[in-house]
Amino acid sequence: MKTIITVDNLKCGGCAGSIKKGLKSFPEVKEVTVDIDQEQVEVICEDFFPLEKIKTKLEAMGYPERGSKTGLDKFMAGARSYVSCAIGKLNPEEENDKLSKHH
């Protein structure tokens, strides 16, 4: 099953790295692609895996589906995304990916 979800708060490679790592923690998720410019997450997973689990994980990390949060909930999601982003920037695996793209 291939799903594309447009999310809030996706700004950089650190965010992308955190999203990939977070969603790949599910063994049913086979591939994750993040398009920073379009603020979209593409997930390929086993057919029986519930889409709601993916959305819940993204939301917990601070990247809720676009338009699903308002007011204080939207603010709190933004705050969580800053933490996820920082963790993604510190991840050496993500740093190696960035270096390999420049060579």
C-alpha atoms as a PDB file:
ATOM      1  CA  MET A   1       0.000   0.000   0.000  1.00  0.00           C
ATOM      2  CA  LYS A   2       1.332   3.415  -0.987  1.00  0.00           C
ATOM      3  CA  THR A   3       0.077   6.490   0.861  1.00  0.00           C
ATOM      4  CA  ILE A   4       0.980  10.166   0.567  1.00  0.00           C
ATOM      5  CA  ILE A   5       0.227  12.412   3.535  1.00  0.00           C
ATOM      6  CA  THR A   6       0.651  16.187   3.503  1.00  0.00           C
ATOM      7  CA  VAL A   7       1.824  17.301   6.945  1.00  0.00           C
ATOM      8  CA  ASP A   8       2.375  20.488   8.925  1.00  0.00           C
ATOM      9  CA  ASN A   9       5.758  21.643  10.290  1.00  0.00           C
ATOM     10  CA  LEU A  10       8.010  19.835   7.785  1.00  0.00           C
ATOM     11  CA  LYS A  11      10.847  22.290   7.143  1.00  0.00           C
ATOM     12  CA  CYS A  12      14.256  20.630   6.684  1.00  0.00           C
ATOM     13  CA  GLY A  13      16.422  17.545   6.418  1.00  0.00           C
ATOM     14  CA  GLY A  14      16.382  17.123  10.191  1.00  0.00           C
ATOM     15  CA  CYS A  15      12.603  16.845  10.102  1.00  0.00           C
ATOM     16  CA  ALA A  16      12.802  14.397   7.191  1.00  0.00           C
ATOM     17  CA  GLY A  17      15.346  12.235   9.013  1.00  0.00           C
ATOM     18  CA  SER A  18      13.207  12.049  12.127  1.00  0.00           C
ATOM     19  CA  ILE A  19      10.097  11.171  10.137  1.00  0.00           C
ATOM     20  CA  LYS A  20      11.903   8.397   8.244  1.00  0.00           C
ATOM     21  CA  LYS A  21      13.357   6.921  11.415  1.00  0.00           C
ATOM     22  CA  GLY A  22      10.069   7.196  13.298  1.00  0.00           C
ATOM     23  CA  LEU A  23       7.952   5.524  10.630  1.00  0.00           C
ATOM     24  CA  LYS A  24      10.517   2.833   9.882  1.00  0.00           C
ATOM     25  CA  SER A  25      10.190   1.751  13.514  1.00  0.00           C
ATOM     26  CA  PHE A  26       7.081  -0.105  12.296  1.00  0.00           C
ATOM     27  CA  PRO A  27       8.220  -3.401  10.733  1.00  0.00           C
ATOM     28  CA  GLU A  28       5.261  -3.205   8.319  1.00  0.00           C
ATOM     29  CA  VAL A  29       6.620   0.030   6.801  1.00  0.00           C
ATOM     30  CA  LYS A  30       8.845  -0.860   3.858  1.00  0.00           C
ATOM     31  CA  GLU A  31       9.837   2.572   2.542  1.00  0.00           C
ATOM     32  CA  VAL A  32       9.480   6.238   3.538  1.00  0.00           C
ATOM     33  CA  THR A  33      10.147   9.154   1.210  1.00  0.00           C
ATOM     34  CA  VAL A  34       9.910  12.757   2.415  1.00  0.00           C
ATOM     35  CA  ASP A  35       9.396  15.701   0.049  1.00  0.00           C
ATOM     36  CA  ILE A  36      10.338  18.783   2.068  1.00  0.00           C
ATOM     37  CA  ASP A  37       9.231  21.289  -0.599  1.00  0.00           C
ATOM     38  CA  GLN A  38       5.742  19.782  -0.874  1.00  0.00           C
ATOM     39  CA  GLU A  39       5.607  18.929   2.857  1.00  0.00           C
ATOM     40  CA  GLN A  40       4.586  15.382   1.943  1.00  0.00           C
ATOM     41  CA  VAL A  41       5.431  11.991   3.369  1.00  0.00           C
ATOM     42  CA  GLU A  42       5.103   8.967   1.098  1.00  0.00           C
ATOM     43  CA  VAL A  43       4.851   5.635   2.882  1.00  0.00           C
ATOM     44  CA  ILE A  44       4.903   2.170   1.354  1.00  0.00           C
ATOM     45  CA  CYS A  45       3.750  -0.496   3.773  1.00  0.00           C
ATOM     46  CA  GLU A  46       2.070  -3.860   3.936  1.00  0.00           C
ATOM     47  CA  ASP A  47      -1.559  -3.740   2.807  1.00  0.00           C
ATOM     48  CA  PHE A  48      -3.043  -4.696   6.165  1.00  0.00           C
ATOM     49  CA  PHE A  49      -1.197  -1.977   8.114  1.00  0.00           C
ATOM     50  CA  PRO A  50      -3.675   0.680   9.348  1.00  0.00           C
ATOM     51  CA  LEU A  51      -3.085   4.159   7.946  1.00  0.00           C
ATOM     52  CA  GLU A  52      -4.250   5.608  11.268  1.00  0.00           C
ATOM     53  CA  LYS A  53      -1.112   4.238  12.980  1.00  0.00           C
ATOM     54  CA  ILE A  54       1.071   6.196  10.569  1.00  0.00           C
ATOM     55  CA  LYS A  55      -0.912   9.401  11.098  1.00  0.00           C
ATOM     56  CA  THR A  56      -0.834   8.942  14.878  1.00  0.00           C
ATOM     57  CA  LYS A  57       2.953   8.444  14.837  1.00  0.00           C
ATOM     58  CA  LEU A  58       3.458  11.533  12.662  1.00  0.00           C
ATOM     59  CA  GLU A  59       1.216  13.563  14.966  1.00  0.00           C
ATOM     60  CA  ALA A  60       3.103  12.399  18.071  1.00  0.00           C
ATOM     61  CA  MET A  61       6.351  13.540  16.451  1.00  0.00           C
ATOM     62  CA  GLY A  62       4.897  16.998  15.682  1.00  0.00           C
ATOM     63  CA  TYR A  63       3.965  16.456  12.025  1.00  0.00           C
ATOM     64  CA  PRO A  64       0.161  16.113  11.982  1.00  0.00           C
ATOM     65  CA  GLU A  65      -1.767  15.752   8.764  1.00  0.00           C
ATOM     66  CA  ARG A  66      -2.299  19.205   7.273  1.00  0.00           C
ATOM     67  CA  GLY A  67      -5.436  20.863   8.611  1.00  0.00           C
ATOM     68  CA  SER A  68      -6.075  18.320  11.363  1.00  0.00           C
ATOM     69  CA  LYS A  69      -4.935  20.594  14.220  1.00  0.00           C
ATOM     70  CA  THR A  70      -5.947  24.126  15.189  1.00  0.00           C
ATOM     71  CA  GLY A  71      -5.275  26.571  17.997  1.00  0.00           C
ATOM     72  CA  LEU A  72      -3.268  25.271  20.948  1.00  0.00           C
ATOM     73  CA  ASP A  73      -3.079  21.755  19.468  1.00  0.00           C
ATOM     74  CA  LYS A  74      -1.425  23.187  16.339  1.00  0.00           C
ATOM     75  CA  PHE A  75       1.014  25.199  18.476  1.00  0.00           C
ATOM     76  CA  MET A  76       1.935  22.122  20.536  1.00  0.00           C
ATOM     77  CA  ALA A  77       2.496  20.068  17.379  1.00  0.00           C
ATOM     78  CA  GLY A  78       4.855  22.785  16.166  1.00  0.00           C
ATOM     79  CA  ALA A  79       6.799  22.620  19.419  1.00  0.00           C
ATOM     80  CA  ARG A  80       7.103  18.822  19.163  1.00  0.00           C
ATOM     81  CA  SER A  81       8.333  19.154  15.574  1.00  0.00           C
ATOM     82  CA  TYR A  82      11.219  21.383  16.706  1.00  0.00           C
ATOM     83  CA  VAL A  83      12.368  18.639  19.072  1.00  0.00           C
ATOM     84  CA  SER A  84      12.027  15.966  16.362  1.00  0.00           C
ATOM     85  CA  CYS A  85      13.892  18.195  13.915  1.00  0.00           C
ATOM     86  CA  ALA A  86      16.773  18.728  16.342  1.00  0.00           C
ATOM     87  CA  ILE A  87      17.048  14.994  16.962  1.00  0.00           C
ATOM     88  CA  GLY A  88      17.065  14.389  13.208  1.00  0.00           C
ATOM     89  CA  LYS A  89      19.876  16.897  12.743  1.00  0.00           C
ATOM     90  CA  LEU A  90      21.953  15.136  15.383  1.00  0.00           C
ATOM     91  CA  ASN A  91      21.461  11.699  13.815  1.00  0.00           C
ATOM     92  CA  PRO A  92      24.806  10.687  12.238  1.00  0.00           C
ATOM     93  CA  GLU A  93      23.056   8.422   9.701  1.00  0.00           C
ATOM     94  CA  GLU A  94      21.143  11.399   8.335  1.00  0.00           C
ATOM     95  CA  GLU A  95      24.362  13.416   8.201  1.00  0.00           C
ATOM     96  CA  ASN A  96      25.985  10.669   6.115  1.00  0.00           C
ATOM     97  CA  ASP A  97      23.006  10.777   3.729  1.00  0.00           C
ATOM     98  CA  LYS A  98      23.492  14.544   3.284  1.00  0.00           C
ATOM     99  CA  LEU A  99      27.208  14.141   2.600  1.00  0.00           C
ATOM    100  CA  SER A 100      26.653  11.410   0.009  1.00  0.00           C
ATOM    101  CA  LYS A 101      24.193  13.625  -1.896  1.00  0.00           C
ATOM    102  CA  HIS A 102      26.826  16.347  -2.281  1.00  0.00           C
ATOM    103  CA  HIS A 103      29.451  14.028  -3.834  1.00  0.00           C
END
